[in-house]
Amino acid sequence: MGVIIGDDLQVVKGALQGNPFNRAKTDQSLKGFKKAYKEDPELSLARAERLVRNTYRTLLTRGMLGTGIYCTDPQVAEFFQNRQPS
């Protein structure tokens, strides 16, 4: 099994952070995000960030025998490489 980590997951100050603005336009899980962001930016960003992180957590824990990871962002790739057990 493999997971492609796109630009919606970034490394900020040494930690992973979801960026809902870089999510695919066709993603239905963030439907209504832009409207909610106009009304309450802080709350909508927190919810969307949790959703992005939860999506990848779910995908990365599905592999029974292992999971291959490809990251479009080199910083995210380095983040995961540094956390692999030796």
PDB file of N, CA and C in Angstrom:
ATOM      1  N   MET A   1       0.852  -1.174   0.000  1.00  0.00           N
ATOM      2  CA  MET A   1       0.000   0.000   0.000  1.00  0.00           C
ATOM      3  C   MET A   1       0.893   1.230   0.000  1.00  0.00           C
ATOM      4  N   GLY A   2       0.461   2.270  -0.663  1.00  0.00           N
ATOM      5  CA  GLY A   2       1.223   3.504  -0.708  1.00  0.00           C
ATOM      6  C   GLY A   2       0.323   4.712  -0.487  1.00  0.00           C
ATOM      7  N   VAL A   3       0.907   5.773   0.055  1.00  0.00           N
ATOM      8  CA  VAL A   3       0.185   7.017   0.320  1.00  0.00           C
ATOM      9  C   VAL A   3       0.982   8.161  -0.289  1.00  0.00           C
ATOM     10  N   ILE A   4       0.321   8.991  -1.064  1.00  0.00           N
ATOM     11  CA  ILE A   4       0.939  10.197  -1.597  1.00  0.00           C
ATOM     12  C   ILE A   4       0.519  11.359  -0.701  1.00  0.00           C
ATOM     13  N   ILE A   5       1.489  12.003  -0.093  1.00  0.00           N
ATOM     14  CA  ILE A   5       1.213  13.153   0.769  1.00  0.00           C
ATOM     15  C   ILE A   5       1.423  14.406  -0.058  1.00  0.00           C
ATOM     16  N   GLY A   6       0.354  15.125  -0.268  1.00  0.00           N
ATOM     17  CA  GLY A   6       0.387  16.312  -1.112  1.00  0.00           C
ATOM     18  C   GLY A   6       0.768  17.571  -0.360  1.00  0.00           C
ATOM     19  N   ASP A   7       0.523  18.690  -0.999  1.00  0.00           N
ATOM     20  CA  ASP A   7       0.894  19.990  -0.432  1.00  0.00           C
ATOM     21  C   ASP A   7      -0.029  20.452   0.692  1.00  0.00           C
ATOM     22  N   ASP A   8      -1.039  19.668   1.010  1.00  0.00           N
ATOM     23  CA  ASP A   8      -1.937  20.060   2.090  1.00  0.00           C
ATOM     24  C   ASP A   8      -1.396  19.667   3.461  1.00  0.00           C
ATOM     25  N   LEU A   9      -0.245  19.037   3.507  1.00  0.00           N
ATOM     26  CA  LEU A   9       0.435  18.731   4.760  1.00  0.00           C
ATOM     27  C   LEU A   9       1.822  19.346   4.687  1.00  0.00           C
ATOM     28  N   GLN A  10       2.152  20.192   5.660  1.00  0.00           N
ATOM     29  CA  GLN A  10       3.408  20.931   5.648  1.00  0.00           C
ATOM     30  C   GLN A  10       4.109  20.804   6.992  1.00  0.00           C
ATOM     31  N   VAL A  11       5.400  21.110   6.990  1.00  0.00           N
ATOM     32  CA  VAL A  11       6.171  21.176   8.229  1.00  0.00           C
ATOM     33  C   VAL A  11       6.289  22.648   8.604  1.00  0.00           C
ATOM     34  N   VAL A  12       5.773  22.982   9.788  1.00  0.00           N
ATOM     35  CA  VAL A  12       5.831  24.349  10.301  1.00  0.00           C
ATOM     36  C   VAL A  12       6.448  24.287  11.694  1.00  0.00           C
ATOM     37  N   LYS A  13       7.576  24.962  11.866  1.00  0.00           N
ATOM     38  CA  LYS A  13       8.284  24.996  13.151  1.00  0.00           C
ATOM     39  C   LYS A  13       8.567  23.594  13.688  1.00  0.00           C
ATOM     40  N   GLY A  14       8.956  22.695  12.796  1.00  0.00           N
ATOM     41  CA  GLY A  14       9.340  21.348  13.207  1.00  0.00           C
ATOM     42  C   GLY A  14       8.197  20.382  13.450  1.00  0.00           C
ATOM     43  N   ALA A  15       6.971  20.787  13.157  1.00  0.00           N
ATOM     44  CA  ALA A  15       5.811  19.904  13.369  1.00  0.00           C
ATOM     45  C   ALA A  15       4.952  19.879  12.104  1.00  0.00           C
ATOM     46  N   LEU A  16       4.247  18.778  11.918  1.00  0.00           N
ATOM     47  CA  LEU A  16       3.341  18.688  10.773  1.00  0.00           C
ATOM     48  C   LEU A  16       2.097  19.531  11.015  1.00  0.00           C
ATOM     49  N   GLN A  17       1.652  20.201   9.958  1.00  0.00           N
ATOM     50  CA  GLN A  17       0.452  21.031  10.056  1.00  0.00           C
ATOM     51  C   GLN A  17      -0.317  20.911   8.747  1.00  0.00           C
ATOM     52  N   GLY A  18      -1.608  20.743   8.852  1.00  0.00           N
ATOM     53  CA  GLY A  18      -2.457  20.672   7.675  1.00  0.00           C
ATOM     54  C   GLY A  18      -2.708  22.052   7.111  1.00  0.00           C
ATOM     55  N   ASN A  19      -2.770  22.143   5.789  1.00  0.00           N
ATOM     56  CA  ASN A  19      -3.067  23.405   5.116  1.00  0.00           C
ATOM     57  C   ASN A  19      -4.252  23.179   4.178  1.00  0.00           C
ATOM     58  N   PRO A  20      -5.457  23.499   4.622  1.00  0.00           N
ATOM     59  CA  PRO A  20      -6.642  23.213   3.817  1.00  0.00           C
ATOM     60  C   PRO A  20      -6.709  24.009   2.517  1.00  0.00           C
ATOM     61  N   PHE A  21      -5.959  25.102   2.412  1.00  0.00           N
ATOM     62  CA  PHE A  21      -5.975  25.904   1.189  1.00  0.00           C
ATOM     63  C   PHE A  21      -5.281  25.181   0.036  1.00  0.00           C
ATOM     64  N   ASN A  22      -4.431  24.210   0.337  1.00  0.00           N
ATOM     65  CA  ASN A  22      -3.739  23.454  -0.699  1.00  0.00           C
ATOM     66  C   ASN A  22      -4.398  22.105  -0.968  1.00  0.00           C
ATOM     67  N   ARG A  23      -5.563  21.883  -0.415  1.00  0.00           N
ATOM     68  CA  ARG A  23      -6.299  20.636  -0.625  1.00  0.00           C
ATOM     69  C   ARG A  23      -6.887  20.637  -2.034  1.00  0.00           C
ATOM     70  N   ALA A  24      -7.114  19.479  -2.601  1.00  0.00           N
ATOM     71  CA  ALA A  24      -7.695  19.369  -3.943  1.00  0.00           C
ATOM     72  C   ALA A  24      -9.066  20.042  -3.984  1.00  0.00           C
ATOM     73  N   LYS A  25      -9.326  20.726  -5.061  1.00  0.00           N
ATOM     74  CA  LYS A  25     -10.598  21.442  -5.213  1.00  0.00           C
ATOM     75  C   LYS A  25     -11.791  20.487  -5.250  1.00  0.00           C
ATOM     76  N   THR A  26     -11.563  19.256  -5.642  1.00  0.00           N
ATOM     77  CA  THR A  26     -12.654  18.283  -5.754  1.00  0.00           C
ATOM     78  C   THR A  26     -12.930  17.549  -4.443  1.00  0.00           C
ATOM     79  N   ASP A  27     -12.170  17.837  -3.397  1.00  0.00           N
ATOM     80  CA  ASP A  27     -12.326  17.154  -2.114  1.00  0.00           C
ATOM     81  C   ASP A  27     -13.629  17.586  -1.439  1.00  0.00           C
ATOM     82  N   GLN A  28     -14.528  16.634  -1.249  1.00  0.00           N
ATOM     83  CA  GLN A  28     -15.829  16.930  -0.652  1.00  0.00           C
ATOM     84  C   GLN A  28     -15.780  17.025   0.871  1.00  0.00           C
ATOM     85  N   SER A  29     -14.700  16.559   1.495  1.00  0.00           N
ATOM     86  CA  SER A  29     -14.622  16.591   2.955  1.00  0.00           C
ATOM     87  C   SER A  29     -14.500  18.024   3.489  1.00  0.00           C
ATOM     88  N   LEU A  30     -14.034  18.941   2.663  1.00  0.00           N
ATOM     89  CA  LEU A  30     -13.901  20.342   3.079  1.00  0.00           C
ATOM     90  C   LEU A  30     -14.985  21.225   2.466  1.00  0.00           C
ATOM     91  N   LYS A  31     -16.076  20.615   2.064  1.00  0.00           N
ATOM     92  CA  LYS A  31     -17.163  21.374   1.465  1.00  0.00           C
ATOM     93  C   LYS A  31     -17.676  22.424   2.456  1.00  0.00           C
ATOM     94  N   GLY A  32     -17.762  23.662   2.014  1.00  0.00           N
ATOM     95  CA  GLY A  32     -18.233  24.741   2.865  1.00  0.00           C
ATOM     96  C   GLY A  32     -17.132  25.422   3.666  1.00  0.00           C
ATOM     97  N   PHE A  33     -15.875  25.008   3.452  1.00  0.00           N
ATOM     98  CA  PHE A  33     -14.769  25.570   4.230  1.00  0.00           C
ATOM     99  C   PHE A  33     -14.581  27.067   3.964  1.00  0.00           C
ATOM    100  N   LYS A  34     -14.633  27.472   2.704  1.00  0.00           N
ATOM    101  CA  LYS A  34     -14.384  28.885   2.374  1.00  0.00           C
ATOM    102  C   LYS A  34     -15.443  29.798   2.983  1.00  0.00           C
ATOM    103  N   LYS A  35     -16.687  29.356   2.977  1.00  0.00           N
ATOM    104  CA  LYS A  35     -17.751  30.152   3.584  1.00  0.00           C
ATOM    105  C   LYS A  35     -17.546  30.242   5.099  1.00  0.00           C
ATOM    106  N   ALA A  36     -17.242  29.116   5.716  1.00  0.00           N
ATOM    107  CA  ALA A  36     -17.000  29.101   7.168  1.00  0.00           C
ATOM    108  C   ALA A  36     -15.776  29.935   7.513  1.00  0.00           C
ATOM    109  N   TYR A  37     -14.774  29.925   6.646  1.00  0.00           N
ATOM    110  CA  TYR A  37     -13.553  30.698   6.886  1.00  0.00           C
ATOM    111  C   TYR A  37     -13.848  32.195   6.897  1.00  0.00           C
ATOM    112  N   LYS A  38     -14.763  32.632   6.054  1.00  0.00           N
ATOM    113  CA  LYS A  38     -15.142  34.056   6.031  1.00  0.00           C
ATOM    114  C   LYS A  38     -15.871  34.448   7.307  1.00  0.00           C
ATOM    115  N   GLU A  39     -16.664  33.538   7.862  1.00  0.00           N
ATOM    116  CA  GLU A  39     -17.447  33.832   9.059  1.00  0.00           C
ATOM    117  C   GLU A  39     -16.613  33.740  10.333  1.00  0.00           C
ATOM    118  N   ASP A  40     -15.814  32.685  10.460  1.00  0.00           N
ATOM    119  CA  ASP A  40     -14.985  32.480  11.655  1.00  0.00           C
ATOM    120  C   ASP A  40     -13.679  31.798  11.239  1.00  0.00           C
ATOM    121  N   PRO A  41     -12.683  32.601  10.856  1.00  0.00           N
ATOM    122  CA  PRO A  41     -11.446  32.018  10.326  1.00  0.00           C
ATOM    123  C   PRO A  41     -10.727  31.088  11.299  1.00  0.00           C
ATOM    124  N   GLU A  42     -10.647  31.451  12.542  1.00  0.00           N
ATOM    125  CA  GLU A  42      -9.884  30.658  13.508  1.00  0.00           C
ATOM    126  C   GLU A  42     -10.504  29.274  13.708  1.00  0.00           C
ATOM    127  N   LEU A  43     -11.802  29.229  13.916  1.00  0.00           N
ATOM    128  CA  LEU A  43     -12.487  27.957  14.139  1.00  0.00           C
ATOM    129  C   LEU A  43     -12.460  27.082  12.894  1.00  0.00           C
ATOM    130  N   SER A  44     -12.726  27.659  11.741  1.00  0.00           N
ATOM    131  CA  SER A  44     -12.758  26.853  10.512  1.00  0.00           C
ATOM    132  C   SER A  44     -11.365  26.324  10.153  1.00  0.00           C
ATOM    133  N   LEU A  45     -10.322  27.104  10.399  1.00  0.00           N
ATOM    134  CA  LEU A  45      -8.961  26.627  10.147  1.00  0.00           C
ATOM    135  C   LEU A  45      -8.608  25.466  11.071  1.00  0.00           C
ATOM    136  N   ALA A  46      -8.992  25.565  12.326  1.00  0.00           N
ATOM    137  CA  ALA A  46      -8.709  24.495  13.288  1.00  0.00           C
ATOM    138  C   ALA A  46      -9.420  23.204  12.879  1.00  0.00           C
ATOM    139  N   ARG A  47     -10.673  23.304  12.476  1.00  0.00           N
ATOM    140  CA  ARG A  47     -11.425  22.113  12.054  1.00  0.00           C
ATOM    141  C   ARG A  47     -10.835  21.499  10.793  1.00  0.00           C
ATOM    142  N   ALA A  48     -10.517  22.338   9.825  1.00  0.00           N
ATOM    143  CA  ALA A  48      -9.973  21.839   8.563  1.00  0.00           C
ATOM    144  C   ALA A  48      -8.590  21.229   8.765  1.00  0.00           C
ATOM    145  N   GLU A  49      -7.787  21.829   9.619  1.00  0.00           N
ATOM    146  CA  GLU A  49      -6.450  21.307   9.895  1.00  0.00           C
ATOM    147  C   GLU A  49      -6.543  19.930  10.545  1.00  0.00           C
ATOM    148  N   ARG A  50      -7.472  19.767  11.473  1.00  0.00           N
ATOM    149  CA  ARG A  50      -7.695  18.459  12.097  1.00  0.00           C
ATOM    150  C   ARG A  50      -8.133  17.424  11.058  1.00  0.00           C
ATOM    151  N   LEU A  51      -8.988  17.842  10.133  1.00  0.00           N
ATOM    152  CA  LEU A  51      -9.480  16.943   9.102  1.00  0.00           C
ATOM    153  C   LEU A  51      -8.334  16.477   8.194  1.00  0.00           C
ATOM    154  N   VAL A  52      -7.458  17.385   7.803  1.00  0.00           N
ATOM    155  CA  VAL A  52      -6.322  17.030   6.950  1.00  0.00           C
ATOM    156  C   VAL A  52      -5.416  16.046   7.675  1.00  0.00           C
ATOM    157  N   ARG A  53      -5.087  16.343   8.920  1.00  0.00           N
ATOM    158  CA  ARG A  53      -4.196  15.464   9.687  1.00  0.00           C
ATOM    159  C   ARG A  53      -4.844  14.094   9.907  1.00  0.00           C
ATOM    160  N   ASN A  54      -6.133  14.065  10.208  1.00  0.00           N
ATOM    161  CA  ASN A  54      -6.834  12.803  10.440  1.00  0.00           C
ATOM    162  C   ASN A  54      -6.890  11.966   9.164  1.00  0.00           C
ATOM    163  N   THR A  55      -7.057  12.612   8.029  1.00  0.00           N
ATOM    164  CA  THR A  55      -7.078  11.888   6.753  1.00  0.00           C
ATOM    165  C   THR A  55      -5.781  11.124   6.552  1.00  0.00           C
ATOM    166  N   TYR A  56      -4.652  11.804   6.741  1.00  0.00           N
ATOM    167  CA  TYR A  56      -3.363  11.142   6.550  1.00  0.00           C
ATOM    168  C   TYR A  56      -3.089  10.111   7.648  1.00  0.00           C
ATOM    169  N   ARG A  57      -3.486  10.382   8.872  1.00  0.00           N
ATOM    170  CA  ARG A  57      -3.300   9.403   9.944  1.00  0.00           C
ATOM    171  C   ARG A  57      -4.051   8.111   9.597  1.00  0.00           C
ATOM    172  N   THR A  58      -5.263   8.245   9.111  1.00  0.00           N
ATOM    173  CA  THR A  58      -6.064   7.081   8.738  1.00  0.00           C
ATOM    174  C   THR A  58      -5.409   6.315   7.595  1.00  0.00           C
ATOM    175  N   LEU A  59      -4.987   7.029   6.556  1.00  0.00           N
ATOM    176  CA  LEU A  59      -4.368   6.358   5.411  1.00  0.00           C
ATOM    177  C   LEU A  59      -3.064   5.668   5.792  1.00  0.00           C
ATOM    178  N   LEU A  60      -2.271   6.309   6.638  1.00  0.00           N
ATOM    179  CA  LEU A  60      -0.965   5.762   6.985  1.00  0.00           C
ATOM    180  C   LEU A  60      -1.042   4.568   7.927  1.00  0.00           C
ATOM    181  N   THR A  61      -2.161   4.363   8.588  1.00  0.00           N
ATOM    182  CA  THR A  61      -2.283   3.235   9.512  1.00  0.00           C
ATOM    183  C   THR A  61      -3.061   2.067   8.911  1.00  0.00           C
ATOM    184  N   ARG A  62      -3.384   2.105   7.634  1.00  0.00           N
ATOM    185  CA  ARG A  62      -4.169   1.041   7.005  1.00  0.00           C
ATOM    186  C   ARG A  62      -3.322  -0.118   6.494  1.00  0.00           C
ATOM    187  N   GLY A  63      -2.058   0.101   6.230  1.00  0.00           N
ATOM    188  CA  GLY A  63      -1.217  -0.948   5.664  1.00  0.00           C
ATOM    189  C   GLY A  63      -0.934  -2.050   6.669  1.00  0.00           C
ATOM    190  N   MET A  64      -1.255  -3.282   6.317  1.00  0.00           N
ATOM    191  CA  MET A  64      -1.046  -4.412   7.228  1.00  0.00           C
ATOM    192  C   MET A  64       0.429  -4.821   7.287  1.00  0.00           C
ATOM    193  N   LEU A  65       1.118  -4.763   6.145  1.00  0.00           N
ATOM    194  CA  LEU A  65       2.503  -5.197   6.088  1.00  0.00           C
ATOM    195  C   LEU A  65       3.468  -4.034   5.892  1.00  0.00           C
ATOM    196  N   GLY A  66       2.945  -2.836   5.872  1.00  0.00           N
ATOM    197  CA  GLY A  66       3.780  -1.654   5.675  1.00  0.00           C
ATOM    198  C   GLY A  66       3.103  -0.684   4.724  1.00  0.00           C
ATOM    199  N   THR A  67       3.605   0.497   4.705  1.00  0.00           N
ATOM    200  CA  THR A  67       3.040   1.539   3.862  1.00  0.00           C
ATOM    201  C   THR A  67       4.173   2.338   3.249  1.00  0.00           C
ATOM    202  N   GLY A  68       4.147   2.472   1.929  1.00  0.00           N
ATOM    203  CA  GLY A  68       5.103   3.325   1.239  1.00  0.00           C
ATOM    204  C   GLY A  68       4.580   4.755   1.242  1.00  0.00           C
ATOM    205  N   ILE A  69       5.476   5.709   1.402  1.00  0.00           N
ATOM    206  CA  ILE A  69       5.068   7.109   1.469  1.00  0.00           C
ATOM    207  C   ILE A  69       5.829   7.900   0.417  1.00  0.00           C
ATOM    208  N   TYR A  70       5.100   8.692  -0.371  1.00  0.00           N
ATOM    209  CA  TYR A  70       5.708   9.630  -1.308  1.00  0.00           C
ATOM    210  C   TYR A  70       5.213  11.019  -0.930  1.00  0.00           C
ATOM    211  N   CYS A  71       6.129  11.949  -0.748  1.00  0.00           N
ATOM    212  CA  CYS A  71       5.779  13.315  -0.349  1.00  0.00           C
ATOM    213  C   CYS A  71       6.130  14.290  -1.468  1.00  0.00           C
ATOM    214  N   THR A  72       5.198  15.151  -1.819  1.00  0.00           N
ATOM    215  CA  THR A  72       5.473  16.157  -2.843  1.00  0.00           C
ATOM    216  C   THR A  72       6.315  17.296  -2.290  1.00  0.00           C
ATOM    217  N   ASP A  73       6.326  17.479  -0.986  1.00  0.00           N
ATOM    218  CA  ASP A  73       7.111  18.527  -0.329  1.00  0.00           C
ATOM    219  C   ASP A  73       8.370  17.896   0.272  1.00  0.00           C
ATOM    220  N   PRO A  74       9.564  18.347  -0.130  1.00  0.00           N
ATOM    221  CA  PRO A  74      10.801  17.762   0.396  1.00  0.00           C
ATOM    222  C   PRO A  74      10.940  17.882   1.920  1.00  0.00           C
ATOM    223  N   GLN A  75      10.424  18.940   2.519  1.00  0.00           N
ATOM    224  CA  GLN A  75      10.504  19.090   3.977  1.00  0.00           C
ATOM    225  C   GLN A  75       9.678  18.031   4.692  1.00  0.00           C
ATOM    226  N   VAL A  76       8.529  17.698   4.151  1.00  0.00           N
ATOM    227  CA  VAL A  76       7.685  16.659   4.741  1.00  0.00           C
ATOM    228  C   VAL A  76       8.366  15.296   4.583  1.00  0.00           C
ATOM    229  N   ALA A  77       8.973  15.059   3.426  1.00  0.00           N
ATOM    230  CA  ALA A  77       9.701  13.803   3.212  1.00  0.00           C
ATOM    231  C   ALA A  77      10.832  13.667   4.229  1.00  0.00           C
ATOM    232  N   GLU A  78      11.573  14.740   4.455  1.00  0.00           N
ATOM    233  CA  GLU A  78      12.656  14.714   5.436  1.00  0.00           C
ATOM    234  C   GLU A  78      12.119  14.486   6.846  1.00  0.00           C
ATOM    235  N   PHE A  79      10.973  15.090   7.160  1.00  0.00           N
ATOM    236  CA  PHE A  79      10.339  14.909   8.469  1.00  0.00           C
ATOM    237  C   PHE A  79      10.071  13.426   8.723  1.00  0.00           C
ATOM    238  N   PHE A  80       9.500  12.737   7.740  1.00  0.00           N
ATOM    239  CA  PHE A  80       9.196  11.306   7.902  1.00  0.00           C
ATOM    240  C   PHE A  80      10.467  10.457   7.914  1.00  0.00           C
ATOM    241  N   GLN A  81      11.448  10.794   7.091  1.00  0.00           N
ATOM    242  CA  GLN A  81      12.693  10.025   7.057  1.00  0.00           C
ATOM    243  C   GLN A  81      13.419  10.092   8.398  1.00  0.00           C
ATOM    244  N   ASN A  82      13.379  11.241   9.047  1.00  0.00           N
ATOM    245  CA  ASN A  82      14.060  11.399  10.329  1.00  0.00           C
ATOM    246  C   ASN A  82      13.365  10.664  11.464  1.00  0.00           C
ATOM    247  N   ARG A  83      12.140  10.215  11.247  1.00  0.00           N
ATOM    248  CA  ARG A  83      11.401   9.534  12.301  1.00  0.00           C
ATOM    249  C   ARG A  83      11.264   8.040  12.092  1.00  0.00           C
ATOM    250  N   GLN A  84      11.922   7.514  11.074  1.00  0.00           N
ATOM    251  CA  GLN A  84      11.897   6.076  10.842  1.00  0.00           C
ATOM    252  C   GLN A  84      12.837   5.388  11.827  1.00  0.00           C
ATOM    253  N   PRO A  85      12.399   4.263  12.374  1.00  0.00           N
ATOM    254  CA  PRO A  85      13.301   3.519  13.256  1.00  0.00           C
ATOM    255  C   PRO A  85      14.459   2.933  12.450  1.00  0.00           C
ATOM    256  N   SER A  86      15.608   2.888  13.055  1.00  0.00           N
ATOM    257  CA  SER A  86      16.783   2.356  12.339  1.00  0.00           C
ATOM    258  C   SER A  86      16.959   0.875  12.531  1.00  0.00           C
TER     259      SER A  86
END
